[in-house]
């Protein structure tokens, strides 16, 4: 991995391909702001002092909706828009994997 011009070169990773079997749910450590209503259950939502809503994170830094045994989203069909737009195996995914693995 190299950092050049504020970008990360992912061409030298051992296995840059990410599949459901190899996903480590690294994106589930990101702060996720709720900008649309997708039906996320209230128990997974935190509201800040200004009324901003985001996905709750537990003390370990992982999203509260992540099943720690399977590392899969427990609200996948009702996940936030940001999560829906985060594409497994794309550049942003690889960058998060590098940062957290």
C-alpha atoms as a PDB file:
ATOM      1  CA  UNK A   1       0.000   0.000   0.000  1.00  0.00           C
ATOM      2  CA  UNK A   2       1.252   3.462  -0.746  1.00  0.00           C
ATOM      3  CA  UNK A   3      -0.161   6.895  -0.161  1.00  0.00           C
ATOM      4  CA  UNK A   4       0.444   9.223  -3.091  1.00  0.00           C
ATOM      5  CA  UNK A   5      -1.298  12.545  -3.742  1.00  0.00           C
ATOM      6  CA  UNK A   6      -3.762  11.852  -0.906  1.00  0.00           C
ATOM      7  CA  UNK A   7      -4.911   8.643  -2.578  1.00  0.00           C
ATOM      8  CA  UNK A   8      -4.271   5.060  -1.603  1.00  0.00           C
ATOM      9  CA  UNK A   9      -2.793   2.691  -4.155  1.00  0.00           C
ATOM     10  CA  UNK A  10      -4.773  -0.532  -3.722  1.00  0.00           C
ATOM     11  CA  UNK A  11      -3.095  -2.400  -6.559  1.00  0.00           C
ATOM     12  CA  UNK A  12      -0.529  -4.034  -4.272  1.00  0.00           C
ATOM     13  CA  UNK A  13      -2.995  -5.578  -1.824  1.00  0.00           C
ATOM     14  CA  UNK A  14      -2.751  -9.358  -1.402  1.00  0.00           C
ATOM     15  CA  UNK A  15      -6.431  -9.901  -2.301  1.00  0.00           C
ATOM     16  CA  UNK A  16      -8.286  -6.708  -3.196  1.00  0.00           C
ATOM     17  CA  UNK A  17     -11.419  -8.645  -4.182  1.00  0.00           C
ATOM     18  CA  UNK A  18     -14.070  -8.466  -1.497  1.00  0.00           C
ATOM     19  CA  UNK A  19     -16.945 -10.929  -1.437  1.00  0.00           C
ATOM     20  CA  UNK A  20     -19.662 -11.736   1.077  1.00  0.00           C
ATOM     21  CA  UNK A  21     -17.395 -14.535   2.341  1.00  0.00           C
ATOM     22  CA  UNK A  22     -14.338 -12.282   2.796  1.00  0.00           C
ATOM     23  CA  UNK A  23     -16.043  -9.081   3.957  1.00  0.00           C
ATOM     24  CA  UNK A  24     -14.927  -7.993   7.430  1.00  0.00           C
ATOM     25  CA  UNK A  25     -17.729  -5.390   7.764  1.00  0.00           C
ATOM     26  CA  UNK A  26     -15.150  -2.599   8.032  1.00  0.00           C
ATOM     27  CA  UNK A  27     -17.711  -0.084   6.807  1.00  0.00           C
ATOM     28  CA  UNK A  28     -19.786  -0.874   9.902  1.00  0.00           C
ATOM     29  CA  UNK A  29     -17.298   1.160  11.938  1.00  0.00           C
ATOM     30  CA  UNK A  30     -18.008   4.372  10.017  1.00  0.00           C
ATOM     31  CA  UNK A  31     -20.267   7.094  11.383  1.00  0.00           C
ATOM     32  CA  UNK A  32     -23.545   6.897   9.453  1.00  0.00           C
ATOM     33  CA  UNK A  33     -25.821   9.915   9.411  1.00  0.00           C
ATOM     34  CA  UNK A  34     -29.470   9.256   8.663  1.00  0.00           C
ATOM     35  CA  UNK A  35     -30.508  11.628   5.900  1.00  0.00           C
ATOM     36  CA  UNK A  36     -33.563   9.736   4.679  1.00  0.00           C
ATOM     37  CA  UNK A  37     -36.164   7.558   6.357  1.00  0.00           C
ATOM     38  CA  UNK A  38     -35.553   3.915   5.462  1.00  0.00           C
ATOM     39  CA  UNK A  39     -37.311   2.439   8.460  1.00  0.00           C
ATOM     40  CA  UNK A  40     -34.276   1.927  10.696  1.00  0.00           C
ATOM     41  CA  UNK A  41     -35.682   0.764  14.055  1.00  0.00           C
ATOM     42  CA  UNK A  42     -35.432   3.451  16.755  1.00  0.00           C
ATOM     43  CA  UNK A  43     -33.270   1.244  18.994  1.00  0.00           C
ATOM     44  CA  UNK A  44     -30.427   1.633  16.457  1.00  0.00           C
ATOM     45  CA  UNK A  45     -30.677   5.439  16.189  1.00  0.00           C
ATOM     46  CA  UNK A  46     -28.874   8.076  18.223  1.00  0.00           C
ATOM     47  CA  UNK A  47     -29.999  11.706  18.186  1.00  0.00           C
ATOM     48  CA  UNK A  48     -27.522  14.471  19.000  1.00  0.00           C
ATOM     49  CA  UNK A  49     -28.279  17.692  20.880  1.00  0.00           C
ATOM     50  CA  UNK A  50     -29.150  19.480  17.616  1.00  0.00           C
ATOM     51  CA  UNK A  51     -31.566  16.807  16.427  1.00  0.00           C
ATOM     52  CA  UNK A  52     -29.170  15.107  14.000  1.00  0.00           C
ATOM     53  CA  UNK A  53     -29.761  11.376  13.712  1.00  0.00           C
ATOM     54  CA  UNK A  54     -27.140   8.707  13.148  1.00  0.00           C
ATOM     55  CA  UNK A  55     -26.735   4.975  13.503  1.00  0.00           C
ATOM     56  CA  UNK A  56     -25.865   4.013  17.062  1.00  0.00           C
ATOM     57  CA  UNK A  57     -22.410   2.620  17.683  1.00  0.00           C
ATOM     58  CA  UNK A  58     -21.611   0.437  20.653  1.00  0.00           C
ATOM     59  CA  UNK A  59     -18.605   0.916  22.925  1.00  0.00           C
ATOM     60  CA  UNK A  60     -16.508  -1.326  20.660  1.00  0.00           C
ATOM     61  CA  UNK A  61     -16.990   1.119  17.757  1.00  0.00           C
ATOM     62  CA  UNK A  62     -19.146  -1.185  15.644  1.00  0.00           C
ATOM     63  CA  UNK A  63     -22.646  -0.307  14.426  1.00  0.00           C
ATOM     64  CA  UNK A  64     -25.318  -1.430  16.865  1.00  0.00           C
ATOM     65  CA  UNK A  65     -27.174  -3.184  14.023  1.00  0.00           C
ATOM     66  CA  UNK A  66     -24.218  -5.460  13.214  1.00  0.00           C
ATOM     67  CA  UNK A  67     -24.495  -9.070  14.373  1.00  0.00           C
ATOM     68  CA  UNK A  68     -21.062  -9.727  15.900  1.00  0.00           C
ATOM     69  CA  UNK A  69     -21.310 -13.503  15.334  1.00  0.00           C
ATOM     70  CA  UNK A  70     -22.004 -13.377  11.594  1.00  0.00           C
ATOM     71  CA  UNK A  71     -20.645  -9.856  10.910  1.00  0.00           C
ATOM     72  CA  UNK A  72     -23.806  -9.203   8.906  1.00  0.00           C
ATOM     73  CA  UNK A  73     -26.334  -6.389   9.152  1.00  0.00           C
ATOM     74  CA  UNK A  74     -29.425  -7.303  11.146  1.00  0.00           C
ATOM     75  CA  UNK A  75     -31.488  -4.598   9.417  1.00  0.00           C
ATOM     76  CA  UNK A  76     -30.167  -5.079   5.891  1.00  0.00           C
ATOM     77  CA  UNK A  77     -33.530  -4.469   4.183  1.00  0.00           C
ATOM     78  CA  UNK A  78     -34.004  -1.261   6.222  1.00  0.00           C
ATOM     79  CA  UNK A  79     -30.395  -0.067   6.276  1.00  0.00           C
ATOM     80  CA  UNK A  80     -29.696   3.658   5.799  1.00  0.00           C
ATOM     81  CA  UNK A  81     -29.206   5.221   2.375  1.00  0.00           C
ATOM     82  CA  UNK A  82     -25.483   5.727   3.023  1.00  0.00           C
ATOM     83  CA  UNK A  83     -25.106   1.990   3.654  1.00  0.00           C
ATOM     84  CA  UNK A  84     -27.094   1.166   0.519  1.00  0.00           C
ATOM     85  CA  UNK A  85     -24.789   3.350  -1.574  1.00  0.00           C
ATOM     86  CA  UNK A  86     -21.554   1.962  -0.085  1.00  0.00           C
ATOM     87  CA  UNK A  87     -20.532  -0.640  -2.655  1.00  0.00           C
ATOM     88  CA  UNK A  88     -18.664  -3.735  -1.515  1.00  0.00           C
ATOM     89  CA  UNK A  89     -15.288  -4.006  -3.227  1.00  0.00           C
ATOM     90  CA  UNK A  90     -15.276  -0.454  -4.582  1.00  0.00           C
ATOM     91  CA  UNK A  91     -12.519   2.056  -3.792  1.00  0.00           C
ATOM     92  CA  UNK A  92     -14.076   3.345  -0.531  1.00  0.00           C
ATOM     93  CA  UNK A  93     -14.578  -0.219   0.695  1.00  0.00           C
ATOM     94  CA  UNK A  94     -10.952  -1.136   0.009  1.00  0.00           C
ATOM     95  CA  UNK A  95      -9.741   2.029   1.761  1.00  0.00           C
ATOM     96  CA  UNK A  96     -11.754   1.144   4.887  1.00  0.00           C
ATOM     97  CA  UNK A  97     -10.413  -2.413   4.822  1.00  0.00           C
ATOM     98  CA  UNK A  98      -6.849  -1.069   4.698  1.00  0.00           C
ATOM     99  CA  UNK A  99      -7.560   1.293   7.591  1.00  0.00           C
ATOM    100  CA  UNK A 100      -9.128  -1.339   9.853  1.00  0.00           C
ATOM    101  CA  UNK A 101      -7.442  -4.636   9.043  1.00  0.00           C
END
